[in-house]
Amino acid sequence: MTARLTADFWVRAYLARLQAAHIPAYITAKGDPTAGAVLVKLATLDGQARLFQRSFDLMTGARAWVVLSEGAEAEVDAAVLRQRRTDPDLWVIEVESRDGRTLLDEEGLAD
């Protein structure tokens, strides 16, 4: 059995990795420190954005980051608000990267 990281610990580690890569990121909604789910909003600074959510495949047990919403930043922000209304324990991290880097595909973050 694999030990699960708390949401707060994962968020702090993710922000540290982004900072080390010189990618600006901010917590825009602080969720439950123990078990809150995490959304990552990527703002590409051109009016567009993507919203990522951790997905779990029940058949394989695999975890992956999937795009929950993408398009105009205002539309993605509206999707974040809808998610927060249904889950007040949700964390939201906003990443600003013109070239679309989130590091979510890197080892330790991807799975």
N, C-alpha and C. Protein backbone atom coordinates (compact mmCIF):
# COMPACT_ATOMS: atom_id res chain seq x y z
N MET A 1 0.84 -1.18 0.00
CA MET A 1 0.00 0.00 0.00
C MET A 1 0.89 1.25 0.00
N THR A 2 0.56 2.21 -0.84
CA THR A 2 1.34 3.43 -0.96
C THR A 2 0.80 4.49 -0.02
N ALA A 3 1.71 5.18 0.65
CA ALA A 3 1.29 6.27 1.54
C ALA A 3 0.80 7.44 0.68
N ARG A 4 -0.30 8.05 1.13
CA ARG A 4 -0.87 9.19 0.40
C ARG A 4 -0.37 10.48 1.04
N LEU A 5 0.02 11.42 0.22
CA LEU A 5 0.44 12.73 0.70
C LEU A 5 -0.78 13.57 1.02
N THR A 6 -0.65 14.43 2.01
CA THR A 6 -1.75 15.36 2.27
C THR A 6 -1.79 16.37 1.14
N ALA A 7 -2.94 16.96 0.93
CA ALA A 7 -3.09 17.96 -0.13
C ALA A 7 -2.15 19.14 0.12
N ASP A 8 -2.09 19.60 1.36
CA ASP A 8 -1.24 20.74 1.70
C ASP A 8 0.23 20.45 1.37
N PHE A 9 0.71 19.27 1.72
CA PHE A 9 2.10 18.88 1.45
C PHE A 9 2.35 18.85 -0.06
N TRP A 10 1.42 18.23 -0.81
CA TRP A 10 1.58 18.13 -2.26
C TRP A 10 1.62 19.52 -2.89
N VAL A 11 0.72 20.40 -2.46
CA VAL A 11 0.66 21.76 -3.01
C VAL A 11 1.96 22.49 -2.73
N ARG A 12 2.48 22.42 -1.51
CA ARG A 12 3.73 23.11 -1.18
C ARG A 12 4.90 22.56 -2.01
N ALA A 13 4.94 21.25 -2.18
CA ALA A 13 6.00 20.64 -2.99
C ALA A 13 5.89 21.06 -4.46
N TYR A 14 4.67 21.08 -4.98
CA TYR A 14 4.45 21.50 -6.37
C TYR A 14 4.86 22.95 -6.58
N LEU A 15 4.48 23.82 -5.67
CA LEU A 15 4.86 25.23 -5.79
C LEU A 15 6.38 25.40 -5.73
N ALA A 16 7.05 24.61 -4.89
CA ALA A 16 8.51 24.68 -4.81
C ALA A 16 9.15 24.24 -6.13
N ARG A 17 8.61 23.19 -6.77
CA ARG A 17 9.16 22.74 -8.05
C ARG A 17 8.93 23.79 -9.14
N LEU A 18 7.75 24.40 -9.13
CA LEU A 18 7.50 25.47 -10.10
C LEU A 18 8.45 26.64 -9.88
N GLN A 19 8.64 27.02 -8.63
CA GLN A 19 9.55 28.13 -8.32
C GLN A 19 10.96 27.81 -8.78
N ALA A 20 11.42 26.58 -8.56
CA ALA A 20 12.76 26.18 -8.99
C ALA A 20 12.90 26.26 -10.51
N ALA A 21 11.80 26.06 -11.24
CA ALA A 21 11.81 26.15 -12.70
C ALA A 21 11.48 27.56 -13.20
N HIS A 22 11.38 28.51 -12.27
CA HIS A 22 11.08 29.91 -12.59
C HIS A 22 9.74 30.07 -13.31
N ILE A 23 8.75 29.30 -12.83
CA ILE A 23 7.39 29.38 -13.37
C ILE A 23 6.51 29.97 -12.27
N PRO A 24 5.96 31.16 -12.47
CA PRO A 24 5.11 31.77 -11.44
C PRO A 24 3.85 30.95 -11.20
N ALA A 25 3.49 30.81 -9.91
CA ALA A 25 2.28 30.08 -9.54
C ALA A 25 1.78 30.61 -8.21
N TYR A 26 0.46 30.54 -8.04
CA TYR A 26 -0.18 31.08 -6.86
C TYR A 26 -1.32 30.17 -6.42
N ILE A 27 -1.55 30.11 -5.12
CA ILE A 27 -2.74 29.43 -4.60
C ILE A 27 -3.86 30.45 -4.66
N THR A 28 -4.89 30.16 -5.45
CA THR A 28 -6.03 31.09 -5.54
C THR A 28 -7.21 30.62 -4.72
N ALA A 29 -7.19 29.36 -4.29
CA ALA A 29 -8.21 28.84 -3.37
C ALA A 29 -7.56 27.76 -2.52
N LYS A 30 -7.62 27.96 -1.23
CA LYS A 30 -7.02 27.01 -0.30
C LYS A 30 -8.09 26.04 0.16
N GLY A 31 -7.85 24.77 -0.04
CA GLY A 31 -8.82 23.75 0.31
C GLY A 31 -8.49 23.04 1.60
N ASP A 32 -9.10 21.89 1.78
CA ASP A 32 -8.86 21.08 2.97
C ASP A 32 -7.39 20.65 2.99
N PRO A 33 -6.67 20.92 4.09
CA PRO A 33 -5.24 20.62 4.12
C PRO A 33 -4.90 19.14 4.05
N THR A 34 -5.84 18.29 4.44
CA THR A 34 -5.56 16.86 4.46
C THR A 34 -5.99 16.16 3.18
N ALA A 35 -7.24 16.36 2.79
CA ALA A 35 -7.78 15.54 1.71
C ALA A 35 -8.40 16.33 0.57
N GLY A 36 -8.18 17.61 0.50
CA GLY A 36 -8.78 18.40 -0.58
C GLY A 36 -8.22 18.01 -1.94
N ALA A 37 -9.08 18.00 -2.94
CA ALA A 37 -8.64 17.75 -4.32
C ALA A 37 -7.95 19.02 -4.83
N VAL A 38 -7.16 18.88 -5.88
CA VAL A 38 -6.39 20.01 -6.43
C VAL A 38 -6.74 20.21 -7.90
N LEU A 39 -7.04 21.45 -8.26
CA LEU A 39 -7.17 21.85 -9.66
C LEU A 39 -5.98 22.74 -9.98
N VAL A 40 -5.45 22.61 -11.18
CA VAL A 40 -4.36 23.47 -11.63
C VAL A 40 -4.84 24.22 -12.86
N LYS A 41 -4.87 25.54 -12.73
CA LYS A 41 -5.25 26.40 -13.87
C LYS A 41 -3.97 26.92 -14.50
N LEU A 42 -3.83 26.71 -15.79
CA LEU A 42 -2.70 27.23 -16.55
C LEU A 42 -3.17 28.45 -17.33
N ALA A 43 -2.63 29.59 -17.00
CA ALA A 43 -2.91 30.82 -17.74
C ALA A 43 -1.72 31.08 -18.66
N THR A 44 -1.98 31.11 -19.97
CA THR A 44 -0.89 31.30 -20.93
C THR A 44 -0.64 32.77 -21.25
N LEU A 45 -1.29 33.66 -20.52
CA LEU A 45 -1.06 35.10 -20.58
C LEU A 45 -1.41 35.72 -21.94
N ASP A 46 -2.27 35.03 -22.68
CA ASP A 46 -2.76 35.55 -23.96
C ASP A 46 -4.29 35.54 -23.99
N GLY A 47 -4.90 35.47 -22.79
CA GLY A 47 -6.35 35.41 -22.69
C GLY A 47 -6.91 34.00 -22.69
N GLN A 48 -6.04 33.02 -22.85
CA GLN A 48 -6.45 31.61 -22.87
C GLN A 48 -5.98 30.90 -21.61
N ALA A 49 -6.65 29.80 -21.28
CA ALA A 49 -6.28 29.03 -20.10
C ALA A 49 -6.74 27.59 -20.25
N ARG A 50 -6.17 26.72 -19.42
CA ARG A 50 -6.58 25.32 -19.32
C ARG A 50 -6.69 24.98 -17.84
N LEU A 51 -7.63 24.14 -17.52
CA LEU A 51 -7.84 23.71 -16.15
C LEU A 51 -7.63 22.20 -16.08
N PHE A 52 -6.70 21.79 -15.21
CA PHE A 52 -6.36 20.38 -15.06
C PHE A 52 -6.92 19.83 -13.76
N GLN A 53 -7.33 18.56 -13.83
CA GLN A 53 -7.87 17.86 -12.67
C GLN A 53 -7.23 16.48 -12.63
N ARG A 54 -6.97 15.98 -11.44
CA ARG A 54 -6.42 14.64 -11.29
C ARG A 54 -7.53 13.63 -11.50
N SER A 55 -7.31 12.68 -12.38
CA SER A 55 -8.31 11.67 -12.69
C SER A 55 -7.79 10.30 -12.27
N PHE A 56 -8.70 9.44 -11.88
CA PHE A 56 -8.35 8.09 -11.43
C PHE A 56 -9.10 7.09 -12.30
N ASP A 57 -8.35 6.20 -12.94
CA ASP A 57 -8.94 5.17 -13.79
C ASP A 57 -9.26 3.95 -12.92
N LEU A 58 -10.56 3.68 -12.73
CA LEU A 58 -10.97 2.57 -11.86
C LEU A 58 -10.53 1.21 -12.40
N MET A 59 -10.41 1.08 -13.71
CA MET A 59 -10.04 -0.20 -14.30
C MET A 59 -8.56 -0.52 -14.09
N THR A 60 -7.70 0.48 -14.25
CA THR A 60 -6.25 0.23 -14.17
C THR A 60 -5.63 0.72 -12.86
N GLY A 61 -6.33 1.61 -12.15
CA GLY A 61 -5.76 2.18 -10.94
C GLY A 61 -4.80 3.32 -11.23
N ALA A 62 -4.65 3.68 -12.50
CA ALA A 62 -3.72 4.74 -12.88
C ALA A 62 -4.30 6.11 -12.56
N ARG A 63 -3.43 7.03 -12.24
CA ARG A 63 -3.80 8.42 -12.02
C ARG A 63 -3.18 9.26 -13.12
N ALA A 64 -3.91 10.26 -13.57
CA ALA A 64 -3.40 11.13 -14.63
C ALA A 64 -4.04 12.50 -14.50
N TRP A 65 -3.33 13.51 -14.96
CA TRP A 65 -3.89 14.86 -15.02
C TRP A 65 -4.61 14.99 -16.34
N VAL A 66 -5.87 15.39 -16.30
CA VAL A 66 -6.67 15.55 -17.51
C VAL A 66 -7.18 16.99 -17.58
N VAL A 67 -7.47 17.44 -18.79
CA VAL A 67 -7.99 18.79 -18.99
C VAL A 67 -9.49 18.76 -18.68
N LEU A 68 -9.88 19.56 -17.71
CA LEU A 68 -11.28 19.68 -17.31
C LEU A 68 -11.98 20.76 -18.12
N SER A 69 -11.23 21.82 -18.47
CA SER A 69 -11.79 22.94 -19.23
C SER A 69 -10.65 23.65 -19.93
N GLU A 70 -10.93 24.20 -21.12
CA GLU A 70 -9.93 25.03 -21.79
C GLU A 70 -10.61 26.00 -22.72
N GLY A 71 -9.94 27.12 -22.95
CA GLY A 71 -10.49 28.15 -23.82
C GLY A 71 -10.19 29.52 -23.26
N ALA A 72 -11.13 30.45 -23.46
CA ALA A 72 -10.95 31.80 -22.94
C ALA A 72 -10.80 31.75 -21.42
N GLU A 73 -9.88 32.57 -20.89
CA GLU A 73 -9.60 32.51 -19.47
C GLU A 73 -10.86 32.76 -18.62
N ALA A 74 -11.73 33.64 -19.06
CA ALA A 74 -12.96 33.91 -18.30
C ALA A 74 -13.84 32.66 -18.23
N GLU A 75 -13.87 31.86 -19.29
CA GLU A 75 -14.66 30.63 -19.28
C GLU A 75 -14.04 29.60 -18.33
N VAL A 76 -12.72 29.52 -18.33
CA VAL A 76 -12.03 28.60 -17.43
C VAL A 76 -12.24 29.04 -15.98
N ASP A 77 -12.19 30.34 -15.72
CA ASP A 77 -12.46 30.85 -14.37
C ASP A 77 -13.88 30.49 -13.93
N ALA A 78 -14.84 30.54 -14.85
CA ALA A 78 -16.22 30.16 -14.54
C ALA A 78 -16.29 28.68 -14.18
N ALA A 79 -15.51 27.85 -14.87
CA ALA A 79 -15.48 26.41 -14.57
C ALA A 79 -14.90 26.18 -13.17
N VAL A 80 -13.89 26.96 -12.81
CA VAL A 80 -13.32 26.86 -11.46
C VAL A 80 -14.39 27.20 -10.42
N LEU A 81 -15.12 28.27 -10.64
CA LEU A 81 -16.17 28.67 -9.70
C LEU A 81 -17.24 27.59 -9.56
N ARG A 82 -17.63 26.96 -10.66
CA ARG A 82 -18.61 25.87 -10.59
C ARG A 82 -18.07 24.71 -9.76
N GLN A 83 -16.82 24.36 -9.97
CA GLN A 83 -16.21 23.27 -9.21
C GLN A 83 -16.13 23.60 -7.73
N ARG A 84 -15.78 24.85 -7.40
CA ARG A 84 -15.67 25.27 -6.00
C ARG A 84 -17.03 25.29 -5.31
N ARG A 85 -18.08 25.57 -6.06
CA ARG A 85 -19.43 25.55 -5.46
C ARG A 85 -19.81 24.13 -5.05
N THR A 86 -19.39 23.14 -5.82
CA THR A 86 -19.75 21.76 -5.49
C THR A 86 -18.75 21.12 -4.53
N ASP A 87 -17.53 21.68 -4.43
CA ASP A 87 -16.51 21.13 -3.55
C ASP A 87 -15.74 22.26 -2.86
N PRO A 88 -16.21 22.72 -1.72
CA PRO A 88 -15.54 23.83 -1.03
C PRO A 88 -14.16 23.46 -0.47
N ASP A 89 -13.82 22.17 -0.41
CA ASP A 89 -12.50 21.74 0.07
C ASP A 89 -11.45 21.73 -1.01
N LEU A 90 -11.80 22.21 -2.19
CA LEU A 90 -10.94 22.17 -3.37
C LEU A 90 -9.82 23.21 -3.30
N TRP A 91 -8.63 22.79 -3.66
CA TRP A 91 -7.49 23.70 -3.83
C TRP A 91 -7.46 24.13 -5.29
N VAL A 92 -7.07 25.37 -5.56
CA VAL A 92 -6.87 25.84 -6.92
C VAL A 92 -5.52 26.54 -6.98
N ILE A 93 -4.68 26.07 -7.88
CA ILE A 93 -3.37 26.67 -8.11
C ILE A 93 -3.38 27.27 -9.50
N GLU A 94 -2.96 28.52 -9.61
CA GLU A 94 -2.86 29.16 -10.92
C GLU A 94 -1.39 29.25 -11.31
N VAL A 95 -1.09 28.71 -12.48
CA VAL A 95 0.26 28.72 -13.04
C VAL A 95 0.25 29.68 -14.23
N GLU A 96 1.25 30.55 -14.29
CA GLU A 96 1.37 31.47 -15.42
C GLU A 96 2.56 31.07 -16.27
N SER A 97 2.28 30.65 -17.50
CA SER A 97 3.35 30.18 -18.38
C SER A 97 2.94 30.39 -19.83
N ARG A 98 3.64 31.29 -20.51
CA ARG A 98 3.35 31.55 -21.93
C ARG A 98 3.51 30.30 -22.79
N ASP A 99 4.49 29.46 -22.44
CA ASP A 99 4.74 28.27 -23.26
C ASP A 99 3.97 27.03 -22.76
N GLY A 100 3.08 27.21 -21.78
CA GLY A 100 2.22 26.12 -21.35
C GLY A 100 2.83 25.11 -20.40
N ARG A 101 3.93 25.46 -19.76
CA ARG A 101 4.58 24.51 -18.84
C ARG A 101 3.86 24.48 -17.49
N THR A 102 3.50 23.29 -17.04
CA THR A 102 2.90 23.09 -15.72
C THR A 102 3.72 22.14 -14.85
N LEU A 103 4.60 21.38 -15.47
CA LEU A 103 5.40 20.33 -14.82
C LEU A 103 4.55 19.14 -14.37
N LEU A 104 3.26 19.14 -14.66
CA LEU A 104 2.39 18.04 -14.22
C LEU A 104 2.76 16.70 -14.85
N ASP A 105 3.50 16.73 -15.95
CA ASP A 105 3.90 15.48 -16.60
C ASP A 105 5.24 14.96 -16.08
N GLU A 106 5.83 15.64 -15.10
CA GLU A 106 7.12 15.22 -14.58
C GLU A 106 6.98 14.16 -13.50
N GLU A 107 8.06 13.39 -13.31
CA GLU A 107 8.08 12.33 -12.30
C GLU A 107 7.69 12.88 -10.93
N GLY A 108 6.86 12.15 -10.24
CA GLY A 108 6.40 12.56 -8.91
C GLY A 108 5.16 13.42 -8.94
N LEU A 109 4.86 14.02 -10.09
CA LEU A 109 3.65 14.83 -10.22
C LEU A 109 2.66 14.19 -11.16
N ALA A 110 3.18 13.41 -12.13
CA ALA A 110 2.34 12.83 -13.17
C ALA A 110 1.48 11.68 -12.67
N ASP A 111 1.98 10.93 -11.71
CA ASP A 111 1.19 9.75 -11.29
C ASP A 111 0.73 9.86 -9.87
